[in-house]
Amino acid sequence: MRRHIVAAAAASLVACASTLPIGERPTATADEQDRITAVLKRDFHDRGPAKVSRVELDAVQRTCNLHADNPPASVAEPLEKAQLATIKFPSDGRLLGDWKNGEKIAQSGQGSMWSDKPGAPAGGGCYNCHQLSPKEASFGNVGPSLYRFGKIRGDGPDVQKYVYGKVYNAKAYSLCSQMPRLGYAGTLTEQQIKDVTALLLDPASPVNQ
C-alpha cells in the first residue's frame, strides 16, 4: 500500500510542478530522480501499449528536471541540436497532408493508454493545450493559441519544415517544452504529422479562416 501512495505522490508532484511558472518550479537532484524512477518501475508494469519503459528519463528530461525547465543556453543548445538530428523528414519532400484528417487527429486524444488496442491509430490531443479552429469552443491554454497560424506566418517551405519538425520533436526547438515529442515517441505517423501540419498551414483549413 505504501508503495502505491509514494508512486501516486511522486506523479502528483511532477504534474503540479509543471503548472507552476518556470522560476517557481522545484528542482530535483539526480539522486531524487533516480529514486522516483525506481519507485515507478517497481510499482507499475507493462499493460497493453503502456510500457514501464516510459518512466525512464533521457538526457533531455533529466536536464529539464535538474534546472526547473530553464537550463542555461550552454547546456540546452547542444541537447537541442541532438534532438533536431532525430527528426525524420519525409523522403518525398512533401510536408503538407490533408487538413481534414489533421483536424480529426487534433481532436482525438486516443492512443498509448493501457486500454487501447495495440497498433490502433493514435491522436494528437492538440486541443488539450491549444486553440486551433474557431469552431471548437473547448480547448486548453497550456500552449499558445494557434488560431490563424498559417495566415499570420504563411505556408512557405521554411514554415512547413518548422511546423513538421515542431510536431515531430518539440524539444529540438525548445528543450523543456511541455509539448510531447509526437513523432520521436512514435505517437503519430509520418502521414499524421503531415496532416497536422496542413491543419495549421493550409489556407483552406478552418484554423486560417
N, C-alpha and C. Protein backbone atom coordinates (compact mmCIF):
# COMPACT_ATOMS: atom_id res chain seq x y z
N MET A 1 0.83 -1.20 0.00
CA MET A 1 0.00 0.00 0.00
C MET A 1 0.87 1.25 0.00
N ARG A 2 1.93 1.21 0.83
CA ARG A 2 2.82 2.36 0.93
C ARG A 2 3.46 2.68 -0.42
N ARG A 3 3.80 1.62 -1.17
CA ARG A 3 4.42 1.83 -2.47
C ARG A 3 3.52 2.64 -3.38
N HIS A 4 2.24 2.29 -3.38
CA HIS A 4 1.30 2.97 -4.27
C HIS A 4 1.12 4.42 -3.86
N ILE A 5 1.14 4.68 -2.57
CA ILE A 5 1.00 6.05 -2.08
C ILE A 5 2.20 6.88 -2.52
N VAL A 6 3.41 6.30 -2.39
CA VAL A 6 4.62 7.01 -2.79
C VAL A 6 4.61 7.29 -4.29
N ALA A 7 4.22 6.29 -5.07
CA ALA A 7 4.19 6.46 -6.52
C ALA A 7 3.18 7.52 -6.92
N ALA A 8 1.99 7.48 -6.31
CA ALA A 8 0.97 8.47 -6.63
C ALA A 8 1.42 9.87 -6.24
N ALA A 9 2.08 9.97 -5.09
CA ALA A 9 2.55 11.27 -4.64
C ALA A 9 3.61 11.82 -5.60
N ALA A 10 4.51 10.95 -6.06
CA ALA A 10 5.55 11.39 -6.99
C ALA A 10 4.94 11.89 -8.29
N ALA A 11 3.97 11.15 -8.81
CA ALA A 11 3.31 11.56 -10.04
C ALA A 11 2.58 12.87 -9.86
N SER A 12 1.94 13.05 -8.72
CA SER A 12 1.20 14.28 -8.45
C SER A 12 2.13 15.48 -8.36
N LEU A 13 3.28 15.28 -7.72
CA LEU A 13 4.25 16.37 -7.59
C LEU A 13 4.75 16.81 -8.95
N VAL A 14 5.04 15.84 -9.82
CA VAL A 14 5.50 16.17 -11.17
C VAL A 14 4.44 16.95 -11.92
N ALA A 15 3.18 16.49 -11.84
CA ALA A 15 2.09 17.15 -12.55
C ALA A 15 1.87 18.57 -12.04
N CYS A 16 1.89 18.73 -10.73
CA CYS A 16 1.67 20.05 -10.15
C CYS A 16 2.82 21.00 -10.46
N ALA A 17 4.03 20.49 -10.42
CA ALA A 17 5.20 21.33 -10.67
C ALA A 17 5.19 21.89 -12.08
N SER A 18 4.69 21.10 -13.04
CA SER A 18 4.71 21.54 -14.43
C SER A 18 3.76 22.69 -14.70
N THR A 19 2.82 22.95 -13.78
CA THR A 19 1.87 24.04 -13.97
C THR A 19 2.35 25.34 -13.35
N LEU A 20 3.45 25.30 -12.61
CA LEU A 20 3.98 26.49 -11.97
C LEU A 20 4.81 27.31 -12.95
N PRO A 21 4.91 28.64 -12.73
CA PRO A 21 5.81 29.43 -13.55
C PRO A 21 7.22 28.88 -13.44
N ILE A 22 8.02 29.04 -14.51
CA ILE A 22 9.35 28.43 -14.56
C ILE A 22 10.19 28.77 -13.34
N GLY A 23 10.18 30.02 -12.92
CA GLY A 23 11.01 30.43 -11.80
C GLY A 23 10.60 29.84 -10.47
N GLU A 24 9.37 29.30 -10.39
CA GLU A 24 8.87 28.77 -9.13
C GLU A 24 8.88 27.24 -9.08
N ARG A 25 9.32 26.59 -10.16
CA ARG A 25 9.27 25.13 -10.19
C ARG A 25 10.41 24.55 -9.37
N PRO A 26 10.10 23.54 -8.56
CA PRO A 26 11.15 22.92 -7.75
C PRO A 26 12.09 22.10 -8.62
N THR A 27 13.34 22.02 -8.22
CA THR A 27 14.30 21.19 -8.93
C THR A 27 14.41 19.84 -8.22
N ALA A 28 14.85 18.84 -8.96
CA ALA A 28 15.05 17.51 -8.39
C ALA A 28 16.49 17.11 -8.65
N THR A 29 17.20 16.68 -7.62
CA THR A 29 18.57 16.24 -7.81
C THR A 29 18.58 14.94 -8.62
N ALA A 30 19.75 14.61 -9.16
CA ALA A 30 19.87 13.37 -9.93
C ALA A 30 19.50 12.17 -9.08
N ASP A 31 19.90 12.19 -7.81
CA ASP A 31 19.58 11.08 -6.91
C ASP A 31 18.08 10.97 -6.68
N GLU A 32 17.42 12.11 -6.50
CA GLU A 32 15.96 12.10 -6.30
C GLU A 32 15.25 11.59 -7.55
N GLN A 33 15.72 11.98 -8.72
CA GLN A 33 15.13 11.49 -9.95
C GLN A 33 15.25 9.97 -10.05
N ASP A 34 16.43 9.46 -9.70
CA ASP A 34 16.65 8.01 -9.78
C ASP A 34 15.75 7.27 -8.80
N ARG A 35 15.56 7.84 -7.59
CA ARG A 35 14.72 7.16 -6.60
C ARG A 35 13.25 7.16 -7.01
N ILE A 36 12.79 8.27 -7.58
CA ILE A 36 11.41 8.33 -8.06
C ILE A 36 11.20 7.34 -9.20
N THR A 37 12.15 7.28 -10.12
CA THR A 37 12.06 6.34 -11.24
C THR A 37 12.03 4.91 -10.75
N ALA A 38 12.85 4.62 -9.73
CA ALA A 38 12.90 3.26 -9.18
C ALA A 38 11.56 2.86 -8.58
N VAL A 39 10.90 3.80 -7.88
CA VAL A 39 9.59 3.52 -7.29
C VAL A 39 8.56 3.25 -8.39
N LEU A 40 8.57 4.07 -9.42
CA LEU A 40 7.62 3.90 -10.51
C LEU A 40 7.83 2.58 -11.23
N LYS A 41 9.08 2.22 -11.47
CA LYS A 41 9.37 0.95 -12.15
C LYS A 41 9.00 -0.25 -11.29
N ARG A 42 9.10 -0.08 -9.99
CA ARG A 42 8.76 -1.18 -9.07
C ARG A 42 7.25 -1.39 -8.99
N ASP A 43 6.49 -0.32 -9.06
CA ASP A 43 5.06 -0.41 -8.80
C ASP A 43 4.18 -0.46 -10.04
N PHE A 44 4.74 -0.16 -11.21
CA PHE A 44 3.95 -0.22 -12.44
C PHE A 44 4.49 -1.32 -13.34
N HIS A 45 3.62 -1.86 -14.17
CA HIS A 45 4.00 -2.96 -15.04
C HIS A 45 3.44 -2.73 -16.43
N ASP A 46 4.06 -3.36 -17.42
CA ASP A 46 3.57 -3.25 -18.79
C ASP A 46 2.12 -3.72 -18.86
N ARG A 47 1.33 -2.93 -19.56
CA ARG A 47 -0.06 -3.33 -19.78
C ARG A 47 -0.52 -2.75 -21.11
N GLY A 48 -0.72 -3.62 -22.08
CA GLY A 48 -1.09 -3.14 -23.40
C GLY A 48 -0.02 -2.21 -23.96
N PRO A 49 -0.42 -1.13 -24.61
CA PRO A 49 0.56 -0.20 -25.18
C PRO A 49 1.32 0.61 -24.12
N ALA A 50 0.85 0.62 -22.89
CA ALA A 50 1.50 1.37 -21.81
C ALA A 50 2.65 0.55 -21.24
N LYS A 51 3.87 0.99 -21.50
CA LYS A 51 5.06 0.26 -21.09
C LYS A 51 5.77 0.98 -19.94
N VAL A 52 6.37 0.21 -19.05
CA VAL A 52 7.11 0.77 -17.93
C VAL A 52 8.31 1.59 -18.41
N SER A 53 8.80 1.28 -19.60
CA SER A 53 9.97 1.99 -20.13
C SER A 53 9.71 3.50 -20.25
N ARG A 54 8.44 3.89 -20.24
CA ARG A 54 8.11 5.32 -20.34
C ARG A 54 8.64 6.13 -19.17
N VAL A 55 8.84 5.50 -18.04
CA VAL A 55 9.28 6.25 -16.86
C VAL A 55 10.79 6.50 -16.87
N GLU A 56 11.51 5.86 -17.80
CA GLU A 56 12.94 6.09 -17.91
C GLU A 56 13.19 7.51 -18.44
N LEU A 57 14.06 8.24 -17.79
CA LEU A 57 14.36 9.61 -18.19
C LEU A 57 15.55 9.64 -19.15
N ASP A 58 15.40 10.38 -20.24
CA ASP A 58 16.55 10.56 -21.12
C ASP A 58 17.28 11.84 -20.71
N ALA A 59 18.33 12.20 -21.44
CA ALA A 59 19.16 13.34 -21.08
C ALA A 59 18.36 14.64 -21.07
N VAL A 60 17.40 14.77 -21.98
CA VAL A 60 16.59 15.98 -22.04
C VAL A 60 15.74 16.12 -20.78
N GLN A 61 15.03 15.06 -20.43
CA GLN A 61 14.14 15.11 -19.27
C GLN A 61 14.92 15.31 -17.97
N ARG A 62 16.07 14.64 -17.85
CA ARG A 62 16.89 14.82 -16.66
C ARG A 62 17.37 16.27 -16.54
N THR A 63 17.81 16.83 -17.65
CA THR A 63 18.31 18.20 -17.63
C THR A 63 17.22 19.19 -17.26
N CYS A 64 16.05 19.02 -17.83
CA CYS A 64 14.95 19.94 -17.53
C CYS A 64 14.52 19.81 -16.07
N ASN A 65 14.54 18.60 -15.53
CA ASN A 65 14.21 18.41 -14.12
C ASN A 65 15.25 19.05 -13.21
N LEU A 66 16.51 18.91 -13.58
CA LEU A 66 17.58 19.45 -12.75
C LEU A 66 17.61 20.97 -12.75
N HIS A 67 17.12 21.58 -13.83
CA HIS A 67 17.18 23.03 -13.97
C HIS A 67 15.80 23.69 -13.94
N ALA A 68 14.81 23.00 -13.37
CA ALA A 68 13.45 23.56 -13.27
C ALA A 68 12.95 24.09 -14.60
N ASP A 69 13.18 23.34 -15.67
CA ASP A 69 12.74 23.66 -17.03
C ASP A 69 13.37 24.93 -17.59
N ASN A 70 14.50 25.35 -17.03
CA ASN A 70 15.14 26.57 -17.52
C ASN A 70 16.67 26.43 -17.48
N PRO A 71 17.22 25.46 -18.22
CA PRO A 71 18.67 25.26 -18.20
C PRO A 71 19.39 26.40 -18.91
N PRO A 72 20.64 26.66 -18.56
CA PRO A 72 21.40 27.70 -19.26
C PRO A 72 21.61 27.31 -20.72
N ALA A 73 21.79 28.32 -21.57
CA ALA A 73 21.93 28.08 -23.01
C ALA A 73 23.08 27.12 -23.31
N SER A 74 24.15 27.21 -22.55
CA SER A 74 25.31 26.35 -22.79
C SER A 74 24.98 24.88 -22.60
N VAL A 75 23.97 24.61 -21.78
CA VAL A 75 23.53 23.23 -21.54
C VAL A 75 22.43 22.85 -22.53
N ALA A 76 21.50 23.77 -22.78
CA ALA A 76 20.34 23.46 -23.62
C ALA A 76 20.70 23.32 -25.10
N GLU A 77 21.54 24.19 -25.61
CA GLU A 77 21.78 24.22 -27.05
C GLU A 77 22.36 22.92 -27.62
N PRO A 78 23.35 22.28 -26.97
CA PRO A 78 23.84 21.00 -27.52
C PRO A 78 22.77 19.92 -27.52
N LEU A 79 21.92 19.91 -26.50
CA LEU A 79 20.85 18.91 -26.44
C LEU A 79 19.79 19.18 -27.49
N GLU A 80 19.47 20.46 -27.71
CA GLU A 80 18.51 20.80 -28.76
C GLU A 80 19.04 20.39 -30.13
N LYS A 81 20.33 20.60 -30.35
CA LYS A 81 20.94 20.20 -31.62
C LYS A 81 20.83 18.69 -31.82
N ALA A 82 21.06 17.94 -30.75
CA ALA A 82 20.95 16.47 -30.83
C ALA A 82 19.51 16.05 -31.10
N GLN A 83 18.56 16.74 -30.49
CA GLN A 83 17.15 16.44 -30.73
C GLN A 83 16.74 16.77 -32.15
N LEU A 84 17.28 17.86 -32.69
CA LEU A 84 16.99 18.25 -34.07
C LEU A 84 17.43 17.16 -35.04
N ALA A 85 18.53 16.50 -34.71
CA ALA A 85 19.05 15.44 -35.58
C ALA A 85 18.16 14.21 -35.58
N THR A 86 17.25 14.09 -34.61
CA THR A 86 16.36 12.92 -34.56
C THR A 86 15.16 13.06 -35.48
N ILE A 87 14.91 14.27 -35.96
CA ILE A 87 13.71 14.49 -36.78
C ILE A 87 13.89 13.85 -38.15
N LYS A 88 12.95 13.01 -38.51
CA LYS A 88 12.99 12.34 -39.81
C LYS A 88 11.94 13.00 -40.72
N PHE A 89 12.44 13.81 -41.63
CA PHE A 89 11.54 14.48 -42.57
C PHE A 89 11.17 13.50 -43.70
N PRO A 90 9.99 13.65 -44.28
CA PRO A 90 9.53 12.72 -45.32
C PRO A 90 10.51 12.63 -46.49
N SER A 91 10.74 11.43 -46.95
CA SER A 91 11.67 11.21 -48.06
C SER A 91 11.15 11.80 -49.37
N ASP A 92 9.82 11.95 -49.48
CA ASP A 92 9.26 12.51 -50.71
C ASP A 92 9.31 14.03 -50.72
N GLY A 93 9.76 14.64 -49.62
CA GLY A 93 9.88 16.08 -49.57
C GLY A 93 8.57 16.82 -49.35
N ARG A 94 7.47 16.09 -49.26
CA ARG A 94 6.17 16.72 -49.08
C ARG A 94 5.82 16.77 -47.59
N LEU A 95 5.54 17.97 -47.11
CA LEU A 95 5.28 18.15 -45.68
C LEU A 95 3.82 18.43 -45.36
N LEU A 96 3.02 18.72 -46.37
CA LEU A 96 1.60 19.02 -46.14
C LEU A 96 0.73 17.85 -46.56
N GLY A 97 -0.16 17.44 -45.66
CA GLY A 97 -1.10 16.38 -45.96
C GLY A 97 -2.50 16.92 -46.13
N ASP A 98 -3.45 16.25 -45.52
CA ASP A 98 -4.88 16.59 -45.61
C ASP A 98 -5.32 17.25 -44.32
N TRP A 99 -5.67 18.53 -44.37
CA TRP A 99 -6.04 19.23 -43.14
C TRP A 99 -7.28 18.65 -42.49
N LYS A 100 -8.17 18.05 -43.29
CA LYS A 100 -9.39 17.47 -42.71
C LYS A 100 -9.03 16.29 -41.79
N ASN A 101 -8.09 15.48 -42.22
CA ASN A 101 -7.61 14.42 -41.34
C ASN A 101 -6.84 15.01 -40.16
N GLY A 102 -6.13 16.11 -40.42
CA GLY A 102 -5.40 16.78 -39.36
C GLY A 102 -6.31 17.27 -38.24
N GLU A 103 -7.49 17.73 -38.60
CA GLU A 103 -8.45 18.19 -37.58
C GLU A 103 -8.93 17.01 -36.74
N LYS A 104 -9.15 15.85 -37.37
CA LYS A 104 -9.56 14.66 -36.61
C LYS A 104 -8.46 14.24 -35.64
N ILE A 105 -7.22 14.31 -36.09
CA ILE A 105 -6.09 13.94 -35.24
C ILE A 105 -5.97 14.92 -34.08
N ALA A 106 -6.14 16.20 -34.36
CA ALA A 106 -6.05 17.22 -33.32
C ALA A 106 -7.15 17.05 -32.27
N GLN A 107 -8.32 16.60 -32.69
CA GLN A 107 -9.45 16.40 -31.79
C GLN A 107 -9.30 15.14 -30.94
N SER A 108 -8.56 14.16 -31.45
CA SER A 108 -8.50 12.85 -30.80
C SER A 108 -7.40 12.78 -29.76
N GLY A 109 -7.76 12.26 -28.60
CA GLY A 109 -6.78 12.01 -27.55
C GLY A 109 -6.52 10.53 -27.38
N GLN A 110 -6.99 9.75 -28.34
CA GLN A 110 -6.87 8.29 -28.25
C GLN A 110 -5.44 7.85 -28.50
N GLY A 111 -5.04 6.76 -27.83
CA GLY A 111 -3.75 6.16 -28.11
C GLY A 111 -2.81 6.13 -26.93
N SER A 112 -1.98 5.11 -26.90
CA SER A 112 -0.91 4.96 -25.91
C SER A 112 -1.39 4.66 -24.49
N MET A 113 -2.68 4.45 -24.30
CA MET A 113 -3.21 4.08 -22.99
C MET A 113 -3.26 2.56 -22.87
N TRP A 114 -3.24 2.08 -21.63
CA TRP A 114 -3.22 0.62 -21.42
C TRP A 114 -4.44 -0.05 -22.01
N SER A 115 -5.57 0.69 -22.10
CA SER A 115 -6.81 0.11 -22.58
C SER A 115 -6.95 0.17 -24.10
N ASP A 116 -6.01 0.83 -24.80
CA ASP A 116 -6.10 0.95 -26.25
C ASP A 116 -5.60 -0.33 -26.92
N LYS A 117 -6.16 -0.62 -28.05
CA LYS A 117 -5.74 -1.78 -28.82
C LYS A 117 -4.38 -1.51 -29.43
N PRO A 118 -3.40 -2.40 -29.21
CA PRO A 118 -2.06 -2.19 -29.78
C PRO A 118 -2.13 -2.02 -31.30
N GLY A 119 -1.44 -1.00 -31.79
CA GLY A 119 -1.40 -0.76 -33.22
C GLY A 119 -2.50 0.14 -33.74
N ALA A 120 -3.49 0.47 -32.89
CA ALA A 120 -4.57 1.34 -33.32
C ALA A 120 -4.04 2.76 -33.51
N PRO A 121 -4.55 3.51 -34.50
CA PRO A 121 -4.08 4.88 -34.73
C PRO A 121 -4.28 5.75 -33.49
N ALA A 122 -3.28 6.55 -33.19
CA ALA A 122 -3.36 7.46 -32.05
C ALA A 122 -3.73 8.86 -32.52
N GLY A 123 -4.18 9.67 -31.58
CA GLY A 123 -4.48 11.06 -31.87
C GLY A 123 -3.41 11.96 -31.30
N GLY A 124 -3.49 13.23 -31.64
CA GLY A 124 -2.51 14.18 -31.14
C GLY A 124 -2.96 14.91 -29.89
N GLY A 125 -4.29 14.94 -29.66
CA GLY A 125 -4.81 15.65 -28.50
C GLY A 125 -4.42 17.12 -28.49
N CYS A 126 -4.31 17.72 -29.66
CA CYS A 126 -3.81 19.10 -29.77
C CYS A 126 -4.69 20.12 -29.05
N TYR A 127 -6.01 19.88 -29.06
CA TYR A 127 -6.92 20.83 -28.41
C TYR A 127 -6.80 20.82 -26.89
N ASN A 128 -6.14 19.81 -26.35
CA ASN A 128 -5.94 19.80 -24.90
C ASN A 128 -5.10 20.99 -24.45
N CYS A 129 -4.25 21.49 -25.35
CA CYS A 129 -3.31 22.56 -24.98
C CYS A 129 -3.43 23.82 -25.83
N HIS A 130 -4.05 23.70 -27.01
CA HIS A 130 -4.06 24.83 -27.95
C HIS A 130 -5.46 25.17 -28.46
N GLN A 131 -5.65 26.42 -28.79
CA GLN A 131 -6.80 26.82 -29.59
C GLN A 131 -6.39 26.68 -31.05
N LEU A 132 -7.25 26.05 -31.85
CA LEU A 132 -6.96 25.92 -33.28
C LEU A 132 -8.14 26.48 -34.09
N SER A 133 -9.09 25.63 -34.43
CA SER A 133 -10.25 26.10 -35.19
C SER A 133 -11.17 26.94 -34.30
N PRO A 134 -11.65 28.08 -34.80
CA PRO A 134 -12.57 28.91 -34.00
C PRO A 134 -13.92 28.25 -33.78
N LYS A 135 -14.21 27.17 -34.53
CA LYS A 135 -15.48 26.48 -34.37
C LYS A 135 -15.49 25.58 -33.14
N GLU A 136 -14.30 25.29 -32.60
CA GLU A 136 -14.21 24.44 -31.41
C GLU A 136 -14.16 25.33 -30.17
N ALA A 137 -15.20 25.18 -29.33
CA ALA A 137 -15.31 26.05 -28.15
C ALA A 137 -14.48 25.56 -26.97
N SER A 138 -14.12 24.27 -26.99
CA SER A 138 -13.39 23.69 -25.85
C SER A 138 -11.93 23.46 -26.24
N PHE A 139 -11.03 24.15 -25.56
CA PHE A 139 -9.60 23.97 -25.84
C PHE A 139 -8.79 24.40 -24.62
N GLY A 140 -7.57 23.91 -24.55
CA GLY A 140 -6.70 24.24 -23.43
C GLY A 140 -5.88 25.48 -23.71
N ASN A 141 -5.20 25.97 -22.69
CA ASN A 141 -4.36 27.15 -22.87
C ASN A 141 -2.95 26.95 -22.30
N VAL A 142 -2.55 25.68 -22.12
CA VAL A 142 -1.18 25.41 -21.68
C VAL A 142 -0.20 25.87 -22.75
N GLY A 143 -0.57 25.65 -24.01
CA GLY A 143 0.24 26.11 -25.13
C GLY A 143 -0.39 27.35 -25.75
N PRO A 144 0.33 28.03 -26.63
CA PRO A 144 -0.19 29.25 -27.26
C PRO A 144 -1.34 28.96 -28.22
N SER A 145 -2.17 29.95 -28.47
CA SER A 145 -3.22 29.81 -29.46
C SER A 145 -2.58 29.66 -30.84
N LEU A 146 -3.08 28.73 -31.63
CA LEU A 146 -2.59 28.51 -32.99
C LEU A 146 -3.60 28.97 -34.03
N TYR A 147 -4.64 29.64 -33.57
CA TYR A 147 -5.65 30.17 -34.49
C TYR A 147 -5.00 31.17 -35.45
N ARG A 148 -5.25 30.97 -36.73
CA ARG A 148 -4.72 31.81 -37.81
C ARG A 148 -3.19 31.68 -37.93
N PHE A 149 -2.65 30.57 -37.49
CA PHE A 149 -1.20 30.37 -37.52
C PHE A 149 -0.65 30.55 -38.93
N GLY A 150 -1.23 29.83 -39.90
CA GLY A 150 -0.74 29.92 -41.27
C GLY A 150 -1.03 31.26 -41.90
N LYS A 151 -2.14 31.85 -41.55
CA LYS A 151 -2.50 33.16 -42.12
C LYS A 151 -1.49 34.22 -41.70
N ILE A 152 -0.98 34.08 -40.47
CA ILE A 152 -0.02 35.05 -39.94
C ILE A 152 1.40 34.74 -40.42
N ARG A 153 1.78 33.48 -40.39
CA ARG A 153 3.18 33.12 -40.70
C ARG A 153 3.41 32.68 -42.13
N GLY A 154 2.33 32.43 -42.88
CA GLY A 154 2.50 31.95 -44.23
C GLY A 154 2.65 30.45 -44.27
N ASP A 155 2.79 29.91 -45.49
CA ASP A 155 2.91 28.47 -45.63
C ASP A 155 4.07 28.09 -46.53
N GLY A 156 5.12 28.91 -46.51
CA GLY A 156 6.29 28.64 -47.33
C GLY A 156 7.09 27.45 -46.84
N PRO A 157 8.11 27.05 -47.62
CA PRO A 157 8.91 25.85 -47.29
C PRO A 157 9.53 25.89 -45.90
N ASP A 158 10.06 27.03 -45.49
CA ASP A 158 10.71 27.12 -44.17
C ASP A 158 9.70 26.94 -43.04
N VAL A 159 8.52 27.53 -43.22
CA VAL A 159 7.49 27.41 -42.20
C VAL A 159 6.98 25.97 -42.14
N GLN A 160 6.80 25.36 -43.30
CA GLN A 160 6.37 23.96 -43.34
C GLN A 160 7.36 23.06 -42.60
N LYS A 161 8.65 23.28 -42.85
CA LYS A 161 9.68 22.47 -42.21
C LYS A 161 9.68 22.67 -40.70
N TYR A 162 9.50 23.93 -40.29
CA TYR A 162 9.48 24.22 -38.85
C TYR A 162 8.29 23.54 -38.18
N VAL A 163 7.10 23.66 -38.76
CA VAL A 163 5.90 23.08 -38.15
C VAL A 163 6.00 21.56 -38.10
N TYR A 164 6.42 20.95 -39.21
CA TYR A 164 6.57 19.49 -39.22
C TYR A 164 7.55 19.06 -38.13
N GLY A 165 8.68 19.76 -38.07
CA GLY A 165 9.69 19.41 -37.08
C GLY A 165 9.23 19.63 -35.66
N LYS A 166 8.47 20.68 -35.44
CA LYS A 166 7.96 21.00 -34.10
C LYS A 166 7.00 19.92 -33.63
N VAL A 167 6.14 19.45 -34.51
CA VAL A 167 5.21 18.38 -34.15
C VAL A 167 5.98 17.08 -33.92
N TYR A 168 6.99 16.85 -34.74
CA TYR A 168 7.78 15.62 -34.61
C TYR A 168 8.54 15.58 -33.29
N ASN A 169 9.24 16.67 -32.99
CA ASN A 169 10.04 16.72 -31.76
C ASN A 169 10.19 18.16 -31.30
N ALA A 170 9.29 18.59 -30.44
CA ALA A 170 9.30 19.97 -29.96
C ALA A 170 10.55 20.31 -29.17
N LYS A 171 11.19 19.32 -28.57
CA LYS A 171 12.39 19.57 -27.76
C LYS A 171 13.56 20.07 -28.59
N ALA A 172 13.48 19.88 -29.90
CA ALA A 172 14.55 20.34 -30.79
C ALA A 172 14.56 21.86 -30.91
N TYR A 173 13.44 22.49 -30.59
CA TYR A 173 13.31 23.93 -30.75
C TYR A 173 13.23 24.66 -29.41
N SER A 174 12.81 23.96 -28.40
CA SER A 174 12.76 24.50 -27.04
C SER A 174 12.91 23.31 -26.09
N LEU A 175 14.09 23.15 -25.52
CA LEU A 175 14.45 21.91 -24.85
C LEU A 175 13.43 21.44 -23.82
N CYS A 176 12.90 22.36 -23.03
CA CYS A 176 12.00 21.97 -21.95
C CYS A 176 10.54 22.27 -22.27
N SER A 177 10.23 22.33 -23.57
CA SER A 177 8.84 22.50 -23.99
C SER A 177 7.98 21.40 -23.38
N GLN A 178 6.76 21.77 -22.97
CA GLN A 178 5.84 20.77 -22.42
C GLN A 178 5.11 20.00 -23.52
N MET A 179 5.34 20.39 -24.75
CA MET A 179 4.71 19.69 -25.87
C MET A 179 5.34 18.32 -26.04
N PRO A 180 4.54 17.27 -26.18
CA PRO A 180 5.09 15.92 -26.35
C PRO A 180 5.81 15.77 -27.68
N ARG A 181 6.77 14.85 -27.71
CA ARG A 181 7.53 14.56 -28.93
C ARG A 181 6.74 13.53 -29.74
N LEU A 182 5.78 14.00 -30.50
CA LEU A 182 4.78 13.12 -31.10
C LEU A 182 5.34 12.18 -32.16
N GLY A 183 6.31 12.65 -32.93
CA GLY A 183 6.93 11.77 -33.92
C GLY A 183 8.05 10.96 -33.33
N TYR A 184 8.88 11.59 -32.54
CA TYR A 184 10.01 10.94 -31.90
C TYR A 184 9.55 9.76 -31.04
N ALA A 185 8.44 9.94 -30.35
CA ALA A 185 7.92 8.89 -29.48
C ALA A 185 7.12 7.84 -30.24
N GLY A 186 6.86 8.09 -31.51
CA GLY A 186 6.09 7.13 -32.30
C GLY A 186 4.60 7.24 -32.08
N THR A 187 4.16 8.33 -31.46
CA THR A 187 2.72 8.51 -31.23
C THR A 187 1.99 8.76 -32.54
N LEU A 188 2.55 9.64 -33.38
CA LEU A 188 1.95 9.94 -34.68
C LEU A 188 2.85 9.43 -35.80
N THR A 189 2.23 8.98 -36.87
CA THR A 189 2.97 8.52 -38.04
C THR A 189 3.39 9.71 -38.90
N GLU A 190 4.23 9.43 -39.87
CA GLU A 190 4.66 10.49 -40.81
C GLU A 190 3.45 11.14 -41.47
N GLN A 191 2.51 10.34 -41.95
CA GLN A 191 1.34 10.90 -42.63
C GLN A 191 0.50 11.74 -41.67
N GLN A 192 0.35 11.30 -40.45
CA GLN A 192 -0.42 12.06 -39.47
C GLN A 192 0.22 13.41 -39.19
N ILE A 193 1.54 13.44 -39.11
CA ILE A 193 2.24 14.70 -38.87
C ILE A 193 2.05 15.63 -40.07
N LYS A 194 2.08 15.07 -41.28
CA LYS A 194 1.79 15.87 -42.47
C LYS A 194 0.39 16.47 -42.39
N ASP A 195 -0.57 15.68 -41.94
CA ASP A 195 -1.95 16.15 -41.87
C ASP A 195 -2.11 17.25 -40.82
N VAL A 196 -1.44 17.13 -39.69
CA VAL A 196 -1.49 18.17 -38.66
C VAL A 196 -0.80 19.43 -39.16
N THR A 197 0.28 19.27 -39.88
CA THR A 197 0.97 20.42 -40.46
C THR A 197 0.06 21.15 -41.43
N ALA A 198 -0.70 20.40 -42.23
CA ALA A 198 -1.65 21.00 -43.15
C ALA A 198 -2.76 21.73 -42.40
N LEU A 199 -3.21 21.16 -41.29
CA LEU A 199 -4.25 21.81 -40.49
C LEU A 199 -3.80 23.21 -40.08
N LEU A 200 -2.54 23.35 -39.73
CA LEU A 200 -2.03 24.65 -39.27
C LEU A 200 -1.73 25.61 -40.41
N LEU A 201 -1.40 25.08 -41.61
CA LEU A 201 -0.89 25.96 -42.66
C LEU A 201 -1.77 26.09 -43.89
N ASP A 202 -2.58 25.09 -44.19
CA ASP A 202 -3.40 25.14 -45.42
C ASP A 202 -4.36 26.33 -45.34
N PRO A 203 -4.38 27.19 -46.37
CA PRO A 203 -5.30 28.35 -46.37
C PRO A 203 -6.77 27.95 -46.25
N ALA A 204 -7.10 26.72 -46.70
CA ALA A 204 -8.49 26.26 -46.62
C ALA A 204 -8.87 25.72 -45.26
N SER A 205 -7.88 25.49 -44.40
CA SER A 205 -8.14 24.96 -43.06
C SER A 205 -8.93 25.96 -42.23
N PRO A 206 -9.85 25.47 -41.38
CA PRO A 206 -10.60 26.38 -40.52
C PRO A 206 -9.69 27.17 -39.57
N VAL A 207 -8.51 26.66 -39.32
CA VAL A 207 -7.55 27.38 -38.46
C VAL A 207 -7.21 28.73 -39.06
N ASN A 208 -7.23 28.82 -40.39
CA ASN A 208 -6.80 30.04 -41.07
C ASN A 208 -7.93 30.88 -41.63
N GLN A 209 -9.14 30.62 -41.17
CA GLN A 209 -10.29 31.41 -41.65
C GLN A 209 -10.50 32.64 -40.77
